[in-house]
Structure formats: C-alpha cells, structure tokens
C-alpha cells in the first residue's frame, strides 16, 4: 500500500517535470532564445557536369522569383517549428498520462 503511494508520487513528479521541461524549451524556441531542433535541412544542390543552358537559366529565373517571395530558409524554419510543436504535443500528452497513472496510484 505504501509502495503504491510512493510510486504514484514519483510518477506524478516525473510527468510534471516532463511537461514543465517541454514548456520551458518551447517558450525558449518561440521567443528566439533557442533554435528549434533541426530536423529538416535544405539539400545542397549538386551541379551536373554539362547542364543544359536553357534549363539552367530557367532554374535561375525561378529561383530569383521564389527568393523575392520567401526568404531562403523560411520554409525550413517553418517545418522545424511544426515538427517541434508535434513532438512537444506528444511529450506533453505522455507527461499527462504518466501523471494520471500516478494520481490513480495515489488514490488506491
């Protein structure tokens, strides 16, 4: 009976610590103090040995137009923030479930 209470208290503390740690890191990321984990990276373009001149000019023109609309790394940063948000949501959900198990043990 006493071990259930101790284990329940430990699980509640672990769950709360997980939730608080994720919230702290999320706050630091969204305020710009930390960078989001780099999951998505822009690939380094590889040049062909003899690229077609017309195709090269079209790629250059399209690249310039896209560069005017979006900054170079904005899509990469957006994807990294979305992936961190999903991971943070999963971790918070897991911490809540661990705390829930702990509270059930405390009640018994």
N, C-alpha and C. Protein backbone atom coordinates (compact mmCIF):
# COMPACT_ATOMS: atom_id res chain seq x y z
N UNK A 1 0.82 -1.19 0.00
CA UNK A 1 0.00 0.00 0.00
C UNK A 1 0.87 1.26 0.00
N UNK A 2 1.88 1.26 0.83
CA UNK A 2 2.76 2.41 0.91
C UNK A 2 3.61 2.54 -0.36
N UNK A 3 3.98 1.41 -0.94
CA UNK A 3 4.78 1.48 -2.18
C UNK A 3 3.96 2.07 -3.32
N UNK A 4 2.65 1.80 -3.34
CA UNK A 4 1.80 2.40 -4.37
C UNK A 4 1.79 3.92 -4.24
N UNK A 5 1.74 4.41 -3.03
CA UNK A 5 1.73 5.86 -2.81
C UNK A 5 3.06 6.50 -3.25
N UNK A 6 4.15 5.85 -2.90
CA UNK A 6 5.47 6.37 -3.27
C UNK A 6 5.64 6.33 -4.78
N UNK A 7 5.27 5.20 -5.39
CA UNK A 7 5.38 5.09 -6.85
C UNK A 7 4.45 6.09 -7.53
N UNK A 8 3.25 6.28 -7.00
CA UNK A 8 2.32 7.26 -7.55
C UNK A 8 2.87 8.66 -7.49
N UNK A 9 3.47 9.02 -6.36
CA UNK A 9 4.06 10.34 -6.21
C UNK A 9 5.22 10.55 -7.18
N UNK A 10 6.04 9.52 -7.34
CA UNK A 10 7.17 9.59 -8.28
C UNK A 10 6.65 9.79 -9.70
N UNK A 11 5.61 9.04 -10.08
CA UNK A 11 5.06 9.17 -11.43
C UNK A 11 4.45 10.55 -11.67
N UNK A 12 3.77 11.08 -10.66
CA UNK A 12 3.21 12.43 -10.79
C UNK A 12 4.33 13.44 -10.98
N UNK A 13 5.39 13.33 -10.21
CA UNK A 13 6.52 14.26 -10.32
C UNK A 13 7.21 14.14 -11.68
N UNK A 14 7.41 12.90 -12.14
CA UNK A 14 8.06 12.70 -13.44
C UNK A 14 7.20 13.31 -14.56
N UNK A 15 5.89 13.07 -14.50
CA UNK A 15 5.00 13.64 -15.51
C UNK A 15 5.02 15.15 -15.52
N UNK A 16 4.98 15.75 -14.34
CA UNK A 16 5.00 17.22 -14.23
C UNK A 16 6.34 17.77 -14.71
N UNK A 17 7.43 17.09 -14.38
CA UNK A 17 8.76 17.54 -14.83
C UNK A 17 8.86 17.49 -16.35
N UNK A 18 8.33 16.42 -16.97
CA UNK A 18 8.34 16.31 -18.43
C UNK A 18 7.56 17.47 -19.04
N UNK A 19 6.38 17.72 -18.52
CA UNK A 19 5.54 18.79 -19.06
C UNK A 19 6.23 20.15 -18.90
N UNK A 20 6.77 20.43 -17.72
CA UNK A 20 7.42 21.72 -17.49
C UNK A 20 8.67 21.89 -18.36
N UNK A 21 9.44 20.82 -18.54
CA UNK A 21 10.64 20.91 -19.37
C UNK A 21 10.28 21.21 -20.83
N UNK A 22 9.26 20.54 -21.33
CA UNK A 22 8.82 20.78 -22.71
C UNK A 22 8.30 22.20 -22.87
N UNK A 23 7.52 22.67 -21.91
CA UNK A 23 7.01 24.03 -21.98
C UNK A 23 8.13 25.06 -21.92
N UNK A 24 9.13 24.81 -21.08
CA UNK A 24 10.27 25.72 -20.99
C UNK A 24 11.03 25.78 -22.32
N UNK A 25 11.31 24.62 -22.90
CA UNK A 25 12.03 24.59 -24.18
C UNK A 25 11.19 25.22 -25.30
N UNK A 26 9.89 24.98 -25.29
CA UNK A 26 9.02 25.59 -26.30
C UNK A 26 9.01 27.10 -26.17
N UNK A 27 8.94 27.60 -24.94
CA UNK A 27 8.97 29.04 -24.72
C UNK A 27 10.29 29.63 -25.21
N UNK A 28 11.40 28.95 -24.93
CA UNK A 28 12.70 29.44 -25.37
C UNK A 28 12.81 29.43 -26.89
N UNK A 29 12.24 28.44 -27.54
CA UNK A 29 12.29 28.38 -29.00
C UNK A 29 11.45 29.48 -29.62
N UNK A 30 10.24 29.67 -29.12
CA UNK A 30 9.35 30.64 -29.74
C UNK A 30 9.68 32.08 -29.39
N UNK A 31 10.48 32.30 -28.35
CA UNK A 31 10.95 33.66 -28.07
C UNK A 31 12.29 33.95 -28.74
N UNK A 32 12.87 32.96 -29.40
CA UNK A 32 14.10 33.17 -30.15
C UNK A 32 15.37 32.97 -29.36
N UNK A 33 15.27 32.52 -28.11
CA UNK A 33 16.46 32.28 -27.31
C UNK A 33 17.18 31.01 -27.73
N UNK A 34 16.43 30.06 -28.29
CA UNK A 34 16.98 28.80 -28.78
C UNK A 34 16.46 28.57 -30.18
N UNK A 35 17.16 27.75 -30.92
CA UNK A 35 16.70 27.34 -32.24
C UNK A 35 15.91 26.05 -32.10
N UNK A 36 14.94 25.87 -32.96
CA UNK A 36 14.19 24.62 -32.98
C UNK A 36 15.13 23.49 -33.42
N UNK A 37 14.89 22.28 -32.95
CA UNK A 37 15.74 21.16 -33.40
C UNK A 37 15.72 21.07 -34.92
N UNK A 38 16.88 20.91 -35.50
CA UNK A 38 17.00 20.91 -36.96
C UNK A 38 16.71 19.52 -37.50
N UNK A 39 15.48 19.32 -37.92
CA UNK A 39 15.07 18.04 -38.48
C UNK A 39 15.09 18.12 -40.00
N UNK A 40 14.61 19.24 -40.52
CA UNK A 40 14.59 19.45 -41.96
C UNK A 40 15.75 20.35 -42.35
N UNK A 41 16.50 19.93 -43.35
CA UNK A 41 17.61 20.73 -43.86
C UNK A 41 17.43 20.89 -45.36
N UNK A 42 17.80 22.04 -45.86
CA UNK A 42 17.73 22.22 -47.30
C UNK A 42 18.89 21.47 -47.94
N UNK A 43 18.60 20.67 -48.94
CA UNK A 43 19.67 19.90 -49.57
C UNK A 43 20.61 20.80 -50.36
N UNK A 44 21.85 20.42 -50.37
CA UNK A 44 22.85 21.15 -51.15
C UNK A 44 22.68 20.72 -52.60
N UNK A 45 22.51 21.70 -53.47
CA UNK A 45 22.28 21.35 -54.88
C UNK A 45 23.57 20.86 -55.51
N UNK A 46 23.42 19.82 -56.27
CA UNK A 46 24.56 19.25 -56.97
C UNK A 46 24.48 19.69 -58.43
N UNK A 47 25.59 20.17 -58.95
CA UNK A 47 25.60 20.62 -60.33
C UNK A 47 25.99 19.48 -61.25
N UNK A 48 25.37 19.46 -62.41
CA UNK A 48 25.71 18.45 -63.40
C UNK A 48 26.99 18.87 -64.10
N UNK A 49 27.61 17.93 -64.78
CA UNK A 49 28.85 18.25 -65.47
C UNK A 49 28.61 19.18 -66.65
N UNK A 50 27.55 18.91 -67.44
CA UNK A 50 27.24 19.74 -68.60
C UNK A 50 25.75 20.04 -68.60
N UNK A 51 25.29 20.99 -67.76
CA UNK A 51 23.86 21.28 -67.71
C UNK A 51 23.39 22.01 -68.97
N UNK A 52 22.16 21.79 -69.33
CA UNK A 52 21.56 22.47 -70.46
C UNK A 52 21.46 23.96 -70.14
N UNK A 53 21.89 24.81 -71.01
CA UNK A 53 21.93 26.25 -70.76
C UNK A 53 20.53 26.83 -70.54
N UNK A 54 19.57 26.39 -71.32
CA UNK A 54 18.19 26.89 -71.18
C UNK A 54 17.60 26.48 -69.83
N UNK A 55 17.84 25.24 -69.45
CA UNK A 55 17.32 24.75 -68.18
C UNK A 55 17.98 25.50 -67.02
N UNK A 56 19.26 25.76 -67.13
CA UNK A 56 19.99 26.48 -66.08
C UNK A 56 19.45 27.90 -65.92
N UNK A 57 19.16 28.58 -67.03
CA UNK A 57 18.62 29.94 -66.98
C UNK A 57 17.21 29.95 -66.39
N UNK A 58 16.39 28.94 -66.75
CA UNK A 58 15.03 28.85 -66.20
C UNK A 58 15.08 28.63 -64.69
N UNK A 59 15.95 27.73 -64.24
CA UNK A 59 16.09 27.47 -62.81
C UNK A 59 16.54 28.73 -62.08
N UNK A 60 17.44 29.47 -62.69
CA UNK A 60 17.93 30.71 -62.08
C UNK A 60 16.81 31.74 -61.97
N UNK A 61 16.01 31.89 -63.02
CA UNK A 61 14.91 32.85 -63.02
C UNK A 61 13.84 32.46 -62.00
N UNK A 62 13.50 31.19 -61.96
CA UNK A 62 12.50 30.72 -60.99
C UNK A 62 13.03 30.89 -59.57
N UNK A 63 14.29 30.57 -59.37
CA UNK A 63 14.90 30.73 -58.05
C UNK A 63 14.88 32.17 -57.58
N UNK A 64 15.12 33.11 -58.49
CA UNK A 64 15.09 34.53 -58.13
C UNK A 64 13.68 34.97 -57.74
N UNK A 65 12.67 34.48 -58.49
CA UNK A 65 11.29 34.84 -58.18
C UNK A 65 10.85 34.28 -56.83
N UNK A 66 11.21 33.05 -56.56
CA UNK A 66 10.87 32.44 -55.27
C UNK A 66 11.59 33.16 -54.14
N UNK A 67 12.83 33.55 -54.38
CA UNK A 67 13.62 34.26 -53.37
C UNK A 67 12.97 35.60 -53.01
N UNK A 68 12.33 36.24 -53.99
CA UNK A 68 11.65 37.51 -53.73
C UNK A 68 10.42 37.30 -52.86
N UNK A 69 9.73 36.16 -53.04
CA UNK A 69 8.50 35.91 -52.29
C UNK A 69 8.78 35.37 -50.90
N UNK A 70 9.74 34.48 -50.77
CA UNK A 70 10.04 33.84 -49.48
C UNK A 70 11.52 33.96 -49.18
N UNK A 71 11.87 34.26 -47.94
CA UNK A 71 13.28 34.22 -47.58
C UNK A 71 13.84 32.80 -47.75
N UNK A 72 15.12 32.69 -47.86
CA UNK A 72 15.75 31.41 -48.22
C UNK A 72 15.44 30.28 -47.26
N UNK A 73 15.46 30.54 -45.97
CA UNK A 73 15.31 29.45 -45.01
C UNK A 73 13.96 29.46 -44.29
N UNK A 74 12.99 30.21 -44.80
CA UNK A 74 11.72 30.31 -44.07
C UNK A 74 10.94 29.00 -44.08
N UNK A 75 10.93 28.28 -45.19
CA UNK A 75 10.22 27.01 -45.24
C UNK A 75 10.87 25.99 -44.31
N UNK A 76 12.18 25.97 -44.31
CA UNK A 76 12.91 25.05 -43.43
C UNK A 76 12.60 25.36 -41.96
N UNK A 77 12.61 26.63 -41.58
CA UNK A 77 12.31 27.01 -40.20
C UNK A 77 10.88 26.67 -39.84
N UNK A 78 9.95 26.90 -40.77
CA UNK A 78 8.55 26.58 -40.51
C UNK A 78 8.36 25.08 -40.28
N UNK A 79 8.99 24.27 -41.12
CA UNK A 79 8.87 22.82 -40.95
C UNK A 79 9.51 22.36 -39.63
N UNK A 80 10.62 22.96 -39.26
CA UNK A 80 11.25 22.60 -37.99
C UNK A 80 10.39 23.01 -36.80
N UNK A 81 9.74 24.17 -36.88
CA UNK A 81 8.84 24.60 -35.80
C UNK A 81 7.61 23.70 -35.71
N UNK A 82 7.08 23.32 -36.85
CA UNK A 82 5.92 22.41 -36.85
C UNK A 82 6.30 21.06 -36.27
N UNK A 83 7.47 20.54 -36.66
CA UNK A 83 7.88 19.24 -36.13
C UNK A 83 8.15 19.33 -34.63
N UNK A 84 8.71 20.44 -34.16
CA UNK A 84 8.91 20.60 -32.71
C UNK A 84 7.57 20.68 -32.00
N UNK A 85 6.61 21.39 -32.59
CA UNK A 85 5.29 21.50 -31.97
C UNK A 85 4.61 20.15 -31.84
N UNK A 86 4.73 19.34 -32.87
CA UNK A 86 4.14 17.99 -32.82
C UNK A 86 4.84 17.16 -31.74
N UNK A 87 6.17 17.21 -31.72
CA UNK A 87 6.91 16.46 -30.71
C UNK A 87 6.58 16.96 -29.30
N UNK A 88 6.48 18.27 -29.13
CA UNK A 88 6.13 18.83 -27.82
C UNK A 88 4.74 18.38 -27.39
N UNK A 89 3.81 18.36 -28.33
CA UNK A 89 2.46 17.88 -28.02
C UNK A 89 2.45 16.44 -27.57
N UNK A 90 3.23 15.61 -28.24
CA UNK A 90 3.33 14.19 -27.87
C UNK A 90 3.95 14.05 -26.48
N UNK A 91 5.01 14.81 -26.22
CA UNK A 91 5.66 14.74 -24.91
C UNK A 91 4.75 15.24 -23.79
N UNK A 92 4.02 16.31 -24.04
CA UNK A 92 3.09 16.81 -23.03
C UNK A 92 1.98 15.80 -22.77
N UNK A 93 1.47 15.20 -23.84
CA UNK A 93 0.45 14.16 -23.68
C UNK A 93 0.99 12.99 -22.88
N UNK A 94 2.22 12.58 -23.19
CA UNK A 94 2.85 11.49 -22.43
C UNK A 94 3.05 11.84 -20.97
N UNK A 95 3.49 13.07 -20.69
CA UNK A 95 3.66 13.51 -19.31
C UNK A 95 2.34 13.53 -18.56
N UNK A 96 1.28 13.93 -19.25
CA UNK A 96 -0.04 13.94 -18.62
C UNK A 96 -0.51 12.52 -18.32
N UNK A 97 -0.23 11.60 -19.22
CA UNK A 97 -0.63 10.20 -18.98
C UNK A 97 0.14 9.60 -17.82
N UNK A 98 1.44 9.91 -17.73
CA UNK A 98 2.25 9.41 -16.61
C UNK A 98 1.72 9.98 -15.29
N UNK A 99 1.42 11.27 -15.29
CA UNK A 99 0.86 11.88 -14.07
C UNK A 99 -0.49 11.28 -13.72
N UNK A 100 -1.28 10.97 -14.72
CA UNK A 100 -2.59 10.37 -14.50
C UNK A 100 -2.46 9.00 -13.84
N UNK A 101 -1.51 8.22 -14.30
CA UNK A 101 -1.26 6.90 -13.68
C UNK A 101 -0.83 7.10 -12.23
N UNK A 102 0.03 8.12 -12.00
CA UNK A 102 0.49 8.40 -10.64
C UNK A 102 -0.66 8.79 -9.72
N UNK A 103 -1.58 9.61 -10.21
CA UNK A 103 -2.71 10.02 -9.37
C UNK A 103 -3.63 8.83 -9.07
N UNK A 104 -3.77 7.93 -10.02
CA UNK A 104 -4.58 6.74 -9.78
C UNK A 104 -3.95 5.86 -8.71
N UNK A 105 -2.63 5.77 -8.73
CA UNK A 105 -1.92 5.01 -7.70
C UNK A 105 -2.03 5.69 -6.35
N UNK A 106 -2.03 7.01 -6.31
CA UNK A 106 -2.16 7.73 -5.05
C UNK A 106 -3.54 7.52 -4.44
N UNK A 107 -4.56 7.41 -5.27
CA UNK A 107 -5.93 7.24 -4.79
C UNK A 107 -6.18 5.83 -4.25
N UNK A 108 -5.46 4.86 -4.78
CA UNK A 108 -5.73 3.47 -4.34
C UNK A 108 -5.06 3.14 -3.03
